[in-house]
Amino acid sequence: MSISSISGADRVMAIRAQILERNAALQKAAQVGGNAAPATNDAASGAGNSFAATLNAALKQVNASQSAAQQASEAYERGETVDVAQVMLARQKASVAFEATLQARNKLLSAYKDIMSMPV
């Protein structure tokens, strides 16, 4: 019984470590995006334009990271001198960026549904 509980505890600690790593990566991405947001808010006259511009820029960054990961993977598959660690790092960056975008989309849809279901 103690052996299975130790392996279960190890799995929980491994999952916890993954969550903490992803949280740190998301916070870092939010800080990078957060630094650019005030400039667009001050420059734009309307809140809708700055939100759309910020969202568009974030989607372009996610697309760029996915393209870079794809190019690195293809270069590695062709046998070019590409470090496998760089390929895996690029793929993980793209994965984290996509997950963050997906979570933001889910939150936006949830907020929209909540607003639409409010009685007038």
PDB file of N, CA and C in Angstrom:
ATOM      1  N   MET A   1       0.819  -1.193   0.000  1.00  0.00           N
ATOM      2  CA  MET A   1       0.000   0.000   0.000  1.00  0.00           C
ATOM      3  C   MET A   1       0.863   1.257   0.000  1.00  0.00           C
ATOM      4  N   SER A   2       1.960   1.248   0.712  1.00  0.00           N
ATOM      5  CA  SER A   2       2.776   2.447   0.765  1.00  0.00           C
ATOM      6  C   SER A   2       3.467   2.716  -0.570  1.00  0.00           C
ATOM      7  N   ILE A   3       3.777   1.650  -1.329  1.00  0.00           N
ATOM      8  CA  ILE A   3       4.421   1.842  -2.624  1.00  0.00           C
ATOM      9  C   ILE A   3       3.464   2.522  -3.601  1.00  0.00           C
ATOM     10  N   SER A   4       2.200   2.079  -3.618  1.00  0.00           N
ATOM     11  CA  SER A   4       1.245   2.715  -4.523  1.00  0.00           C
ATOM     12  C   SER A   4       0.952   4.154  -4.109  1.00  0.00           C
ATOM     13  N   SER A   5       0.935   4.422  -2.815  1.00  0.00           N
ATOM     14  CA  SER A   5       0.689   5.799  -2.375  1.00  0.00           C
ATOM     15  C   SER A   5       1.871   6.697  -2.687  1.00  0.00           C
ATOM     16  N   ILE A   6       3.079   6.134  -2.670  1.00  0.00           N
ATOM     17  CA  ILE A   6       4.252   6.930  -3.023  1.00  0.00           C
ATOM     18  C   ILE A   6       4.211   7.260  -4.507  1.00  0.00           C
ATOM     19  N   SER A   7       3.888   6.286  -5.347  1.00  0.00           N
ATOM     20  CA  SER A   7       3.832   6.568  -6.777  1.00  0.00           C
ATOM     21  C   SER A   7       2.692   7.544  -7.079  1.00  0.00           C
ATOM     22  N   GLY A   8       1.582   7.437  -6.337  1.00  0.00           N
ATOM     23  CA  GLY A   8       0.490   8.390  -6.504  1.00  0.00           C
ATOM     24  C   GLY A   8       0.905   9.785  -6.094  1.00  0.00           C
ATOM     25  N   ALA A   9       1.662   9.880  -5.002  1.00  0.00           N
ATOM     26  CA  ALA A   9       2.148  11.176  -4.549  1.00  0.00           C
ATOM     27  C   ALA A   9       3.135  11.765  -5.550  1.00  0.00           C
ATOM     28  N   ASP A  10       3.965  10.890  -6.139  1.00  0.00           N
ATOM     29  CA  ASP A  10       4.904  11.365  -7.155  1.00  0.00           C
ATOM     30  C   ASP A  10       4.166  11.901  -8.373  1.00  0.00           C
ATOM     31  N   ARG A  11       3.094  11.227  -8.759  1.00  0.00           N
ATOM     32  CA  ARG A  11       2.300  11.695  -9.898  1.00  0.00           C
ATOM     33  C   ARG A  11       1.659  13.041  -9.592  1.00  0.00           C
ATOM     34  N   VAL A  12       1.155  13.182  -8.382  1.00  0.00           N
ATOM     35  CA  VAL A  12       0.534  14.444  -7.991  1.00  0.00           C
ATOM     36  C   VAL A  12       1.569  15.563  -7.997  1.00  0.00           C
ATOM     37  N   MET A  13       2.759  15.273  -7.492  1.00  0.00           N
ATOM     38  CA  MET A  13       3.810  16.292  -7.473  1.00  0.00           C
ATOM     39  C   MET A  13       4.258  16.642  -8.889  1.00  0.00           C
ATOM     40  N   ALA A  14       4.295  15.651  -9.786  1.00  0.00           N
ATOM     41  CA  ALA A  14       4.668  15.919 -11.172  1.00  0.00           C
ATOM     42  C   ALA A  14       3.616  16.791 -11.846  1.00  0.00           C
ATOM     43  N   ILE A  15       2.348  16.500 -11.594  1.00  0.00           N
ATOM     44  CA  ILE A  15       1.268  17.313 -12.158  1.00  0.00           C
ATOM     45  C   ILE A  15       1.331  18.722 -11.599  1.00  0.00           C
ATOM     46  N   ARG A  16       1.599  18.835 -10.300  1.00  0.00           N
ATOM     47  CA  ARG A  16       1.717  20.152  -9.656  1.00  0.00           C
ATOM     48  C   ARG A  16       2.852  20.949 -10.292  1.00  0.00           C
ATOM     49  N   ALA A  17       3.984  20.282 -10.541  1.00  0.00           N
ATOM     50  CA  ALA A  17       5.125  20.961 -11.156  1.00  0.00           C
ATOM     51  C   ALA A  17       4.765  21.450 -12.559  1.00  0.00           C
ATOM     52  N   GLN A  18       4.029  20.626 -13.327  1.00  0.00           N
ATOM     53  CA  GLN A  18       3.610  21.043 -14.662  1.00  0.00           C
ATOM     54  C   GLN A  18       2.684  22.248 -14.596  1.00  0.00           C
ATOM     55  N   ILE A  19       1.765  22.228 -13.654  1.00  0.00           N
ATOM     56  CA  ILE A  19       0.834  23.348 -13.506  1.00  0.00           C
ATOM     57  C   ILE A  19       1.586  24.618 -13.155  1.00  0.00           C
ATOM     58  N   LEU A  20       2.548  24.516 -12.241  1.00  0.00           N
ATOM     59  CA  LEU A  20       3.318  25.694 -11.852  1.00  0.00           C
ATOM     60  C   LEU A  20       4.142  26.231 -13.024  1.00  0.00           C
ATOM     61  N   GLU A  21       4.711  25.322 -13.831  1.00  0.00           N
ATOM     62  CA  GLU A  21       5.481  25.767 -14.988  1.00  0.00           C
ATOM     63  C   GLU A  21       4.589  26.486 -15.991  1.00  0.00           C
ATOM     64  N   ARG A  22       3.423  25.919 -16.269  1.00  0.00           N
ATOM     65  CA  ARG A  22       2.513  26.561 -17.220  1.00  0.00           C
ATOM     66  C   ARG A  22       1.992  27.890 -16.682  1.00  0.00           C
ATOM     67  N   ASN A  23       1.728  27.935 -15.381  1.00  0.00           N
ATOM     68  CA  ASN A  23       1.261  29.175 -14.775  1.00  0.00           C
ATOM     69  C   ASN A  23       2.328  30.257 -14.909  1.00  0.00           C
ATOM     70  N   ALA A  24       3.584  29.887 -14.676  1.00  0.00           N
ATOM     71  CA  ALA A  24       4.669  30.859 -14.811  1.00  0.00           C
ATOM     72  C   ALA A  24       4.782  31.336 -16.254  1.00  0.00           C
ATOM     73  N   ALA A  25       4.627  30.410 -17.206  1.00  0.00           N
ATOM     74  CA  ALA A  25       4.709  30.793 -18.616  1.00  0.00           C
ATOM     75  C   ALA A  25       3.548  31.710 -19.001  1.00  0.00           C
ATOM     76  N   LEU A  26       2.354  31.416 -18.498  1.00  0.00           N
ATOM     77  CA  LEU A  26       1.191  32.262 -18.792  1.00  0.00           C
ATOM     78  C   LEU A  26       1.337  33.638 -18.163  1.00  0.00           C
ATOM     79  N   GLN A  27       1.878  33.698 -16.942  1.00  0.00           N
ATOM     80  CA  GLN A  27       2.085  34.991 -16.297  1.00  0.00           C
ATOM     81  C   GLN A  27       3.115  35.809 -17.060  1.00  0.00           C
ATOM     82  N   LYS A  28       4.160  35.134 -17.547  1.00  0.00           N
ATOM     83  CA  LYS A  28       5.177  35.840 -18.323  1.00  0.00           C
ATOM     84  C   LYS A  28       4.574  36.372 -19.618  1.00  0.00           C
ATOM     85  N   ALA A  29       3.742  35.546 -20.274  1.00  0.00           N
ATOM     86  CA  ALA A  29       3.086  35.981 -21.505  1.00  0.00           C
ATOM     87  C   ALA A  29       2.125  37.131 -21.227  1.00  0.00           C
ATOM     88  N   ALA A  30       1.440  37.090 -20.079  1.00  0.00           N
ATOM     89  CA  ALA A  30       0.521  38.166 -19.722  1.00  0.00           C
ATOM     90  C   ALA A  30       1.277  39.462 -19.451  1.00  0.00           C
ATOM     91  N   GLN A  31       2.456  39.357 -18.842  1.00  0.00           N
ATOM     92  CA  GLN A  31       3.246  40.552 -18.584  1.00  0.00           C
ATOM     93  C   GLN A  31       3.735  41.165 -19.886  1.00  0.00           C
ATOM     94  N   VAL A  32       4.140  40.323 -20.837  1.00  0.00           N
ATOM     95  CA  VAL A  32       4.590  40.827 -22.128  1.00  0.00           C
ATOM     96  C   VAL A  32       3.427  41.496 -22.837  1.00  0.00           C
ATOM     97  N   GLY A  33       2.260  40.848 -22.838  1.00  0.00           N
ATOM     98  CA  GLY A  33       1.070  41.440 -23.448  1.00  0.00           C
ATOM     99  C   GLY A  33       0.570  42.630 -22.668  1.00  0.00           C
ATOM    100  N   GLY A  34       0.709  42.584 -21.348  1.00  0.00           N
ATOM    101  CA  GLY A  34       0.251  43.681 -20.495  1.00  0.00           C
ATOM    102  C   GLY A  34       1.062  44.937 -20.689  1.00  0.00           C
ATOM    103  N   ASN A  35       2.346  44.788 -21.027  1.00  0.00           N
ATOM    104  CA  ASN A  35       3.175  45.964 -21.267  1.00  0.00           C
ATOM    105  C   ASN A  35       2.776  46.678 -22.533  1.00  0.00           C
ATOM    106  N   ALA A  36       2.280  45.938 -23.525  1.00  0.00           N
ATOM    107  CA  ALA A  36       1.901  46.558 -24.786  1.00  0.00           C
ATOM    108  C   ALA A  36       0.491  47.144 -24.730  1.00  0.00           C
ATOM    109  N   ALA A  37      -0.369  46.658 -23.847  1.00  0.00           N
ATOM    110  CA  ALA A  37      -1.763  47.075 -23.813  1.00  0.00           C
ATOM    111  C   ALA A  37      -1.959  48.547 -23.446  1.00  0.00           C
ATOM    112  N   PRO A  38      -1.248  49.116 -22.442  1.00  0.00           N
ATOM    113  CA  PRO A  38      -1.493  50.508 -22.116  1.00  0.00           C
ATOM    114  C   PRO A  38      -1.177  51.463 -23.268  1.00  0.00           C
ATOM    115  N   ALA A  39      -0.186  51.157 -24.081  1.00  0.00           N
ATOM    116  CA  ALA A  39       0.146  52.039 -25.196  1.00  0.00           C
ATOM    117  C   ALA A  39      -0.987  52.066 -26.209  1.00  0.00           C
ATOM    118  N   THR A  40      -1.607  50.905 -26.471  1.00  0.00           N
ATOM    119  CA  THR A  40      -2.702  50.883 -27.424  1.00  0.00           C
ATOM    120  C   THR A  40      -3.936  51.546 -26.833  1.00  0.00           C
ATOM    121  N   ASN A  41      -4.143  51.458 -25.523  1.00  0.00           N
ATOM    122  CA  ASN A  41      -5.291  52.096 -24.899  1.00  0.00           C
ATOM    123  C   ASN A  41      -5.172  53.613 -24.955  1.00  0.00           C
ATOM    124  N   ASP A  42      -3.967  54.139 -24.765  1.00  0.00           N
ATOM    125  CA  ASP A  42      -3.777  55.578 -24.812  1.00  0.00           C
ATOM    126  C   ASP A  42      -3.853  56.093 -26.250  1.00  0.00           C
ATOM    127  N   ALA A  43      -3.370  55.326 -27.197  1.00  0.00           N
ATOM    128  CA  ALA A  43      -3.324  55.782 -28.573  1.00  0.00           C
ATOM    129  C   ALA A  43      -4.685  55.709 -29.248  1.00  0.00           C
ATOM    130  N   ALA A  44      -5.495  54.740 -28.876  1.00  0.00           N
ATOM    131  CA  ALA A  44      -6.795  54.564 -29.529  1.00  0.00           C
ATOM    132  C   ALA A  44      -7.831  55.469 -28.891  1.00  0.00           C
ATOM    133  N   SER A  45      -8.749  55.944 -29.720  1.00  0.00           N
ATOM    134  CA  SER A  45      -9.778  56.823 -29.179  1.00  0.00           C
ATOM    135  C   SER A  45     -10.908  56.040 -28.548  1.00  0.00           C
ATOM    136  N   GLY A  46     -11.212  54.830 -29.058  1.00  0.00           N
ATOM    137  CA  GLY A  46     -12.301  54.034 -28.517  1.00  0.00           C
ATOM    138  C   GLY A  46     -11.788  52.773 -27.878  1.00  0.00           C
ATOM    139  N   ALA A  47     -12.539  52.278 -26.881  1.00  0.00           N
ATOM    140  CA  ALA A  47     -12.127  51.051 -26.202  1.00  0.00           C
ATOM    141  C   ALA A  47     -12.262  49.848 -27.115  1.00  0.00           C
ATOM    142  N   GLY A  48     -13.231  49.858 -28.032  1.00  0.00           N
ATOM    143  CA  GLY A  48     -13.433  48.739 -28.940  1.00  0.00           C
ATOM    144  C   GLY A  48     -12.261  48.550 -29.886  1.00  0.00           C
ATOM    145  N   ASN A  49     -11.705  49.646 -30.379  1.00  0.00           N
ATOM    146  CA  ASN A  49     -10.574  49.559 -31.293  1.00  0.00           C
ATOM    147  C   ASN A  49      -9.347  49.005 -30.602  1.00  0.00           C
ATOM    148  N   SER A  50      -9.081  49.424 -29.390  1.00  0.00           N
ATOM    149  CA  SER A  50      -7.888  48.949 -28.699  1.00  0.00           C
ATOM    150  C   SER A  50      -8.037  47.467 -28.330  1.00  0.00           C
ATOM    151  N   PHE A  51      -9.246  47.053 -27.967  1.00  0.00           N
ATOM    152  CA  PHE A  51      -9.459  45.638 -27.657  1.00  0.00           C
ATOM    153  C   PHE A  51      -9.270  44.789 -28.903  1.00  0.00           C
ATOM    154  N   ALA A  52      -9.840  45.230 -30.010  1.00  0.00           N
ATOM    155  CA  ALA A  52      -9.708  44.478 -31.264  1.00  0.00           C
ATOM    156  C   ALA A  52      -8.253  44.422 -31.709  1.00  0.00           C
ATOM    157  N   ALA A  53      -7.554  45.535 -31.584  1.00  0.00           N
ATOM    158  CA  ALA A  53      -6.144  45.561 -31.981  1.00  0.00           C
ATOM    159  C   ALA A  53      -5.301  44.657 -31.088  1.00  0.00           C
ATOM    160  N   THR A  54      -5.574  44.693 -29.794  1.00  0.00           N
ATOM    161  CA  THR A  54      -4.838  43.842 -28.860  1.00  0.00           C
ATOM    162  C   THR A  54      -5.118  42.377 -29.129  1.00  0.00           C
ATOM    163  N   LEU A  55      -6.367  42.042 -29.364  1.00  0.00           N
ATOM    164  CA  LEU A  55      -6.736  40.663 -29.659  1.00  0.00           C
ATOM    165  C   LEU A  55      -6.107  40.198 -30.966  1.00  0.00           C
ATOM    166  N   ASN A  56      -6.131  41.054 -31.969  1.00  0.00           N
ATOM    167  CA  ASN A  56      -5.526  40.719 -33.252  1.00  0.00           C
ATOM    168  C   ASN A  56      -4.022  40.503 -33.115  1.00  0.00           C
ATOM    169  N   ALA A  57      -3.353  41.359 -32.361  1.00  0.00           N
ATOM    170  CA  ALA A  57      -1.911  41.213 -32.157  1.00  0.00           C
ATOM    171  C   ALA A  57      -1.593  39.914 -31.413  1.00  0.00           C
ATOM    172  N   ALA A  58      -2.408  39.569 -30.427  1.00  0.00           N
ATOM    173  CA  ALA A  58      -2.182  38.335 -29.681  1.00  0.00           C
ATOM    174  C   ALA A  58      -2.357  37.119 -30.581  1.00  0.00           C
ATOM    175  N   LEU A  59      -3.369  37.146 -31.436  1.00  0.00           N
ATOM    176  CA  LEU A  59      -3.580  36.028 -32.355  1.00  0.00           C
ATOM    177  C   LEU A  59      -2.442  35.913 -33.363  1.00  0.00           C
ATOM    178  N   LYS A  60      -1.917  37.041 -33.793  1.00  0.00           N
ATOM    179  CA  LYS A  60      -0.778  37.011 -34.718  1.00  0.00           C
ATOM    180  C   LYS A  60       0.459  36.431 -34.033  1.00  0.00           C
ATOM    181  N   GLN A  61       0.653  36.748 -32.748  1.00  0.00           N
ATOM    182  CA  GLN A  61       1.797  36.192 -32.013  1.00  0.00           C
ATOM    183  C   GLN A  61       1.659  34.679 -31.863  1.00  0.00           C
ATOM    184  N   VAL A  62       0.458  34.212 -31.583  1.00  0.00           N
ATOM    185  CA  VAL A  62       0.223  32.771 -31.462  1.00  0.00           C
ATOM    186  C   VAL A  62       0.486  32.094 -32.800  1.00  0.00           C
ATOM    187  N   ASN A  63      -0.001  32.694 -33.869  1.00  0.00           N
ATOM    188  CA  ASN A  63       0.223  32.137 -35.200  1.00  0.00           C
ATOM    189  C   ASN A  63       1.708  32.097 -35.536  1.00  0.00           C
ATOM    190  N   ALA A  64       2.424  33.149 -35.184  1.00  0.00           N
ATOM    191  CA  ALA A  64       3.863  33.197 -35.456  1.00  0.00           C
ATOM    192  C   ALA A  64       4.607  32.117 -34.672  1.00  0.00           C
ATOM    193  N   SER A  65       4.223  31.907 -33.415  1.00  0.00           N
ATOM    194  CA  SER A  65       4.900  30.868 -32.623  1.00  0.00           C
ATOM    195  C   SER A  65       4.597  29.482 -33.168  1.00  0.00           C
ATOM    196  N   GLN A  66       3.373  29.261 -33.658  1.00  0.00           N
ATOM    197  CA  GLN A  66       3.043  27.975 -34.248  1.00  0.00           C
ATOM    198  C   GLN A  66       3.795  27.771 -35.567  1.00  0.00           C
ATOM    199  N   SER A  67       3.932  28.820 -36.345  1.00  0.00           N
ATOM    200  CA  SER A  67       4.683  28.725 -37.594  1.00  0.00           C
ATOM    201  C   SER A  67       6.161  28.433 -37.324  1.00  0.00           C
ATOM    202  N   ALA A  68       6.720  29.094 -36.324  1.00  0.00           N
ATOM    203  CA  ALA A  68       8.122  28.858 -35.974  1.00  0.00           C
ATOM    204  C   ALA A  68       8.334  27.421 -35.502  1.00  0.00           C
ATOM    205  N   ALA A  69       7.396  26.902 -34.725  1.00  0.00           N
ATOM    206  CA  ALA A  69       7.499  25.522 -34.252  1.00  0.00           C
ATOM    207  C   ALA A  69       7.400  24.555 -35.431  1.00  0.00           C
ATOM    208  N   GLN A  70       6.512  24.837 -36.365  1.00  0.00           N
ATOM    209  CA  GLN A  70       6.361  23.979 -37.544  1.00  0.00           C
ATOM    210  C   GLN A  70       7.631  23.995 -38.386  1.00  0.00           C
ATOM    211  N   GLN A  71       8.204  25.168 -38.579  1.00  0.00           N
ATOM    212  CA  GLN A  71       9.430  25.275 -39.372  1.00  0.00           C
ATOM    213  C   GLN A  71      10.585  24.545 -38.692  1.00  0.00           C
ATOM    214  N   ALA A  72      10.686  24.677 -37.375  1.00  0.00           N
ATOM    215  CA  ALA A  72      11.751  23.987 -36.646  1.00  0.00           C
ATOM    216  C   ALA A  72      11.574  22.469 -36.736  1.00  0.00           C
ATOM    217  N   SER A  73      10.342  22.002 -36.635  1.00  0.00           N
ATOM    218  CA  SER A  73      10.077  20.565 -36.743  1.00  0.00           C
ATOM    219  C   SER A  73      10.431  20.059 -38.137  1.00  0.00           C
ATOM    220  N   GLU A  74      10.036  20.809 -39.155  1.00  0.00           N
ATOM    221  CA  GLU A  74      10.343  20.397 -40.529  1.00  0.00           C
ATOM    222  C   GLU A  74      11.845  20.398 -40.790  1.00  0.00           C
ATOM    223  N   ALA A  75      12.552  21.380 -40.264  1.00  0.00           N
ATOM    224  CA  ALA A  75      14.008  21.428 -40.431  1.00  0.00           C
ATOM    225  C   ALA A  75      14.664  20.225 -39.753  1.00  0.00           C
ATOM    226  N   TYR A  76      14.174  19.869 -38.592  1.00  0.00           N
ATOM    227  CA  TYR A  76      14.718  18.712 -37.884  1.00  0.00           C
ATOM    228  C   TYR A  76      14.437  17.425 -38.656  1.00  0.00           C
ATOM    229  N   GLU A  77      13.226  17.315 -39.210  1.00  0.00           N
ATOM    230  CA  GLU A  77      12.862  16.124 -39.982  1.00  0.00           C
ATOM    231  C   GLU A  77      13.674  16.005 -41.269  1.00  0.00           C
ATOM    232  N   ARG A  78      14.066  17.129 -41.855  1.00  0.00           N
ATOM    233  CA  ARG A  78      14.884  17.106 -43.062  1.00  0.00           C
ATOM    234  C   ARG A  78      16.328  16.748 -42.754  1.00  0.00           C
ATOM    235  N   GLY A  79      16.708  16.759 -41.496  1.00  0.00           N
ATOM    236  CA  GLY A  79      18.063  16.409 -41.109  1.00  0.00           C
ATOM    237  C   GLY A  79      18.998  17.594 -41.028  1.00  0.00           C
ATOM    238  N   GLU A  80      18.458  18.793 -41.052  1.00  0.00           N
ATOM    239  CA  GLU A  80      19.298  19.978 -40.926  1.00  0.00           C
ATOM    240  C   GLU A  80      19.847  20.037 -39.501  1.00  0.00           C
ATOM    241  N   THR A  81      20.882  20.810 -39.314  1.00  0.00           N
ATOM    242  CA  THR A  81      21.510  20.881 -38.000  1.00  0.00           C
ATOM    243  C   THR A  81      20.678  21.769 -37.083  1.00  0.00           C
ATOM    244  N   VAL A  82      19.659  21.160 -36.493  1.00  0.00           N
ATOM    245  CA  VAL A  82      18.780  21.853 -35.561  1.00  0.00           C
ATOM    246  C   VAL A  82      18.813  21.071 -34.252  1.00  0.00           C
ATOM    247  N   ASP A  83      19.033  21.766 -33.165  1.00  0.00           N
ATOM    248  CA  ASP A  83      19.049  21.129 -31.856  1.00  0.00           C
ATOM    249  C   ASP A  83      17.646  20.653 -31.495  1.00  0.00           C
ATOM    250  N   VAL A  84      17.533  19.404 -31.073  1.00  0.00           N
ATOM    251  CA  VAL A  84      16.225  18.842 -30.746  1.00  0.00           C
ATOM    252  C   VAL A  84      15.603  19.576 -29.561  1.00  0.00           C
ATOM    253  N   ALA A  85      16.412  20.101 -28.671  1.00  0.00           N
ATOM    254  CA  ALA A  85      15.884  20.853 -27.532  1.00  0.00           C
ATOM    255  C   ALA A  85      15.213  22.133 -28.003  1.00  0.00           C
ATOM    256  N   GLN A  86      15.786  22.779 -29.017  1.00  0.00           N
ATOM    257  CA  GLN A  86      15.170  23.997 -29.561  1.00  0.00           C
ATOM    258  C   GLN A  86      13.847  23.679 -30.236  1.00  0.00           C
ATOM    259  N   VAL A  87      13.787  22.536 -30.912  1.00  0.00           N
ATOM    260  CA  VAL A  87      12.547  22.133 -31.571  1.00  0.00           C
ATOM    261  C   VAL A  87      11.463  21.897 -30.520  1.00  0.00           C
ATOM    262  N   MET A  88      11.796  21.162 -29.482  1.00  0.00           N
ATOM    263  CA  MET A  88      10.815  20.863 -28.437  1.00  0.00           C
ATOM    264  C   MET A  88      10.402  22.139 -27.692  1.00  0.00           C
ATOM    265  N   LEU A  89      11.348  23.033 -27.464  1.00  0.00           N
ATOM    266  CA  LEU A  89      11.029  24.296 -26.800  1.00  0.00           C
ATOM    267  C   LEU A  89      10.078  25.135 -27.650  1.00  0.00           C
ATOM    268  N   ALA A  90      10.322  25.172 -28.950  1.00  0.00           N
ATOM    269  CA  ALA A  90       9.438  25.929 -29.847  1.00  0.00           C
ATOM    270  C   ALA A  90       8.043  25.321 -29.857  1.00  0.00           C
ATOM    271  N   ARG A  91       7.967  23.993 -29.849  1.00  0.00           N
ATOM    272  CA  ARG A  91       6.659  23.342 -29.849  1.00  0.00           C
ATOM    273  C   ARG A  91       5.921  23.586 -28.534  1.00  0.00           C
ATOM    274  N   GLN A  92       6.636  23.585 -27.419  1.00  0.00           N
ATOM    275  CA  GLN A  92       5.999  23.854 -26.130  1.00  0.00           C
ATOM    276  C   GLN A  92       5.530  25.297 -26.030  1.00  0.00           C
ATOM    277  N   LYS A  93       6.323  26.229 -26.544  1.00  0.00           N
ATOM    278  CA  LYS A  93       5.906  27.632 -26.551  1.00  0.00           C
ATOM    279  C   LYS A  93       4.620  27.802 -27.358  1.00  0.00           C
ATOM    280  N   ALA A  94       4.570  27.153 -28.511  1.00  0.00           N
ATOM    281  CA  ALA A  94       3.373  27.234 -29.349  1.00  0.00           C
ATOM    282  C   ALA A  94       2.182  26.607 -28.639  1.00  0.00           C
ATOM    283  N   SER A  95       2.413  25.514 -27.935  1.00  0.00           N
ATOM    284  CA  SER A  95       1.336  24.841 -27.220  1.00  0.00           C
ATOM    285  C   SER A  95       0.789  25.711 -26.086  1.00  0.00           C
ATOM    286  N   VAL A  96       1.676  26.320 -25.332  1.00  0.00           N
ATOM    287  CA  VAL A  96       1.251  27.182 -24.225  1.00  0.00           C
ATOM    288  C   VAL A  96       0.501  28.405 -24.761  1.00  0.00           C
ATOM    289  N   ALA A  97       1.006  28.973 -25.840  1.00  0.00           N
ATOM    290  CA  ALA A  97       0.344  30.136 -26.432  1.00  0.00           C
ATOM    291  C   ALA A  97      -1.056  29.773 -26.929  1.00  0.00           C
ATOM    292  N   PHE A  98      -1.178  28.603 -27.555  1.00  0.00           N
ATOM    293  CA  PHE A  98      -2.481  28.176 -28.048  1.00  0.00           C
ATOM    294  C   PHE A  98      -3.438  27.905 -26.897  1.00  0.00           C
ATOM    295  N   GLU A  99      -2.944  27.263 -25.836  1.00  0.00           N
ATOM    296  CA  GLU A  99      -3.798  26.988 -24.675  1.00  0.00           C
ATOM    297  C   GLU A  99      -4.277  28.280 -24.023  1.00  0.00           C
ATOM    298  N   ALA A 100      -3.396  29.266 -23.922  1.00  0.00           N
ATOM    299  CA  ALA A 100      -3.788  30.553 -23.343  1.00  0.00           C
ATOM    300  C   ALA A 100      -4.853  31.227 -24.201  1.00  0.00           C
ATOM    301  N   THR A 101      -4.683  31.150 -25.518  1.00  0.00           N
ATOM    302  CA  THR A 101      -5.669  31.729 -26.431  1.00  0.00           C
ATOM    303  C   THR A 101      -7.004  31.011 -26.310  1.00  0.00           C
ATOM    304  N   LEU A 102      -6.949  29.704 -26.209  1.00  0.00           N
ATOM    305  CA  LEU A 102      -8.168  28.916 -26.066  1.00  0.00           C
ATOM    306  C   LEU A 102      -8.901  29.253 -24.772  1.00  0.00           C
ATOM    307  N   GLN A 103      -8.157  29.412 -23.682  1.00  0.00           N
ATOM    308  CA  GLN A 103      -8.774  29.768 -22.400  1.00  0.00           C
ATOM    309  C   GLN A 103      -9.385  31.166 -22.455  1.00  0.00           C
ATOM    310  N   ALA A 104      -8.698  32.092 -23.121  1.00  0.00           N
ATOM    311  CA  ALA A 104      -9.251  33.449 -23.258  1.00  0.00           C
ATOM    312  C   ALA A 104     -10.533  33.417 -24.074  1.00  0.00           C
ATOM    313  N   ARG A 105     -10.538  32.630 -25.143  1.00  0.00           N
ATOM    314  CA  ARG A 105     -11.750  32.497 -25.959  1.00  0.00           C
ATOM    315  C   ARG A 105     -12.897  31.915 -25.144  1.00  0.00           C
ATOM    316  N   ASN A 106     -12.602  30.899 -24.353  1.00  0.00           N
ATOM    317  CA  ASN A 106     -13.642  30.284 -23.520  1.00  0.00           C
ATOM    318  C   ASN A 106     -14.208  31.280 -22.513  1.00  0.00           C
ATOM    319  N   LYS A 107     -13.347  32.091 -21.924  1.00  0.00           N
ATOM    320  CA  LYS A 107     -13.814  33.097 -20.965  1.00  0.00           C
ATOM    321  C   LYS A 107     -14.666  34.157 -21.664  1.00  0.00           C
ATOM    322  N   LEU A 108     -14.256  34.564 -22.851  1.00  0.00           N
ATOM    323  CA  LEU A 108     -15.035  35.549 -23.592  1.00  0.00           C
ATOM    324  C   LEU A 108     -16.406  35.002 -23.972  1.00  0.00           C
ATOM    325  N   LEU A 109     -16.456  33.752 -24.415  1.00  0.00           N
ATOM    326  CA  LEU A 109     -17.741  33.145 -24.759  1.00  0.00           C
ATOM    327  C   LEU A 109     -18.632  33.008 -23.537  1.00  0.00           C
ATOM    328  N   SER A 110     -18.040  32.643 -22.422  1.00  0.00           N
ATOM    329  CA  SER A 110     -18.811  32.518 -21.185  1.00  0.00           C
ATOM    330  C   SER A 110     -19.384  33.872 -20.761  1.00  0.00           C
ATOM    331  N   ALA A 111     -18.563  34.917 -20.859  1.00  0.00           N
ATOM    332  CA  ALA A 111     -19.042  36.254 -20.504  1.00  0.00           C
ATOM    333  C   ALA A 111     -20.147  36.701 -21.457  1.00  0.00           C
ATOM    334  N   TYR A 112     -19.994  36.406 -22.736  1.00  0.00           N
ATOM    335  CA  TYR A 112     -21.016  36.764 -23.717  1.00  0.00           C
ATOM    336  C   TYR A 112     -22.329  36.048 -23.407  1.00  0.00           C
ATOM    337  N   LYS A 113     -22.246  34.761 -23.101  1.00  0.00           N
ATOM    338  CA  LYS A 113     -23.457  34.001 -22.778  1.00  0.00           C
ATOM    339  C   LYS A 113     -24.133  34.542 -21.518  1.00  0.00           C
ATOM    340  N   ASP A 114     -23.313  34.911 -20.517  1.00  0.00           N
ATOM    341  CA  ASP A 114     -23.868  35.475 -19.296  1.00  0.00           C
ATOM    342  C   ASP A 114     -24.574  36.796 -19.576  1.00  0.00           C
ATOM    343  N   ILE A 115     -23.981  37.633 -20.386  1.00  0.00           N
ATOM    344  CA  ILE A 115     -24.596  38.913 -20.717  1.00  0.00           C
ATOM    345  C   ILE A 115     -25.872  38.723 -21.517  1.00  0.00           C
ATOM    346  N   MET A 116     -25.844  37.799 -22.459  1.00  0.00           N
ATOM    347  CA  MET A 116     -27.025  37.565 -23.282  1.00  0.00           C
ATOM    348  C   MET A 116     -28.184  36.934 -22.493  1.00  0.00           C
ATOM    349  N   SER A 117     -27.885  36.239 -21.432  1.00  0.00           N
ATOM    350  CA  SER A 117     -28.943  35.611 -20.650  1.00  0.00           C
ATOM    351  C   SER A 117     -29.490  36.530 -19.558  1.00  0.00           C
ATOM    352  N   MET A 118     -28.944  37.718 -19.415  1.00  0.00           N
ATOM    353  CA  MET A 118     -29.436  38.663 -18.411  1.00  0.00           C
ATOM    354  C   MET A 118     -30.794  39.215 -18.838  1.00  0.00           C
ATOM    355  N   PRO A 119     -31.713  39.320 -17.883  1.00  0.00           N
ATOM    356  CA  PRO A 119     -32.992  39.935 -18.237  1.00  0.00           C
ATOM    357  C   PRO A 119     -32.827  41.450 -18.418  1.00  0.00           C
ATOM    358  N   VAL A 120     -33.581  41.982 -19.345  1.00  0.00           N
ATOM    359  CA  VAL A 120     -33.474  43.414 -19.623  1.00  0.00           C
ATOM    360  C   VAL A 120     -34.565  44.190 -18.931  1.00  0.00           C
TER     361      VAL A 120
END
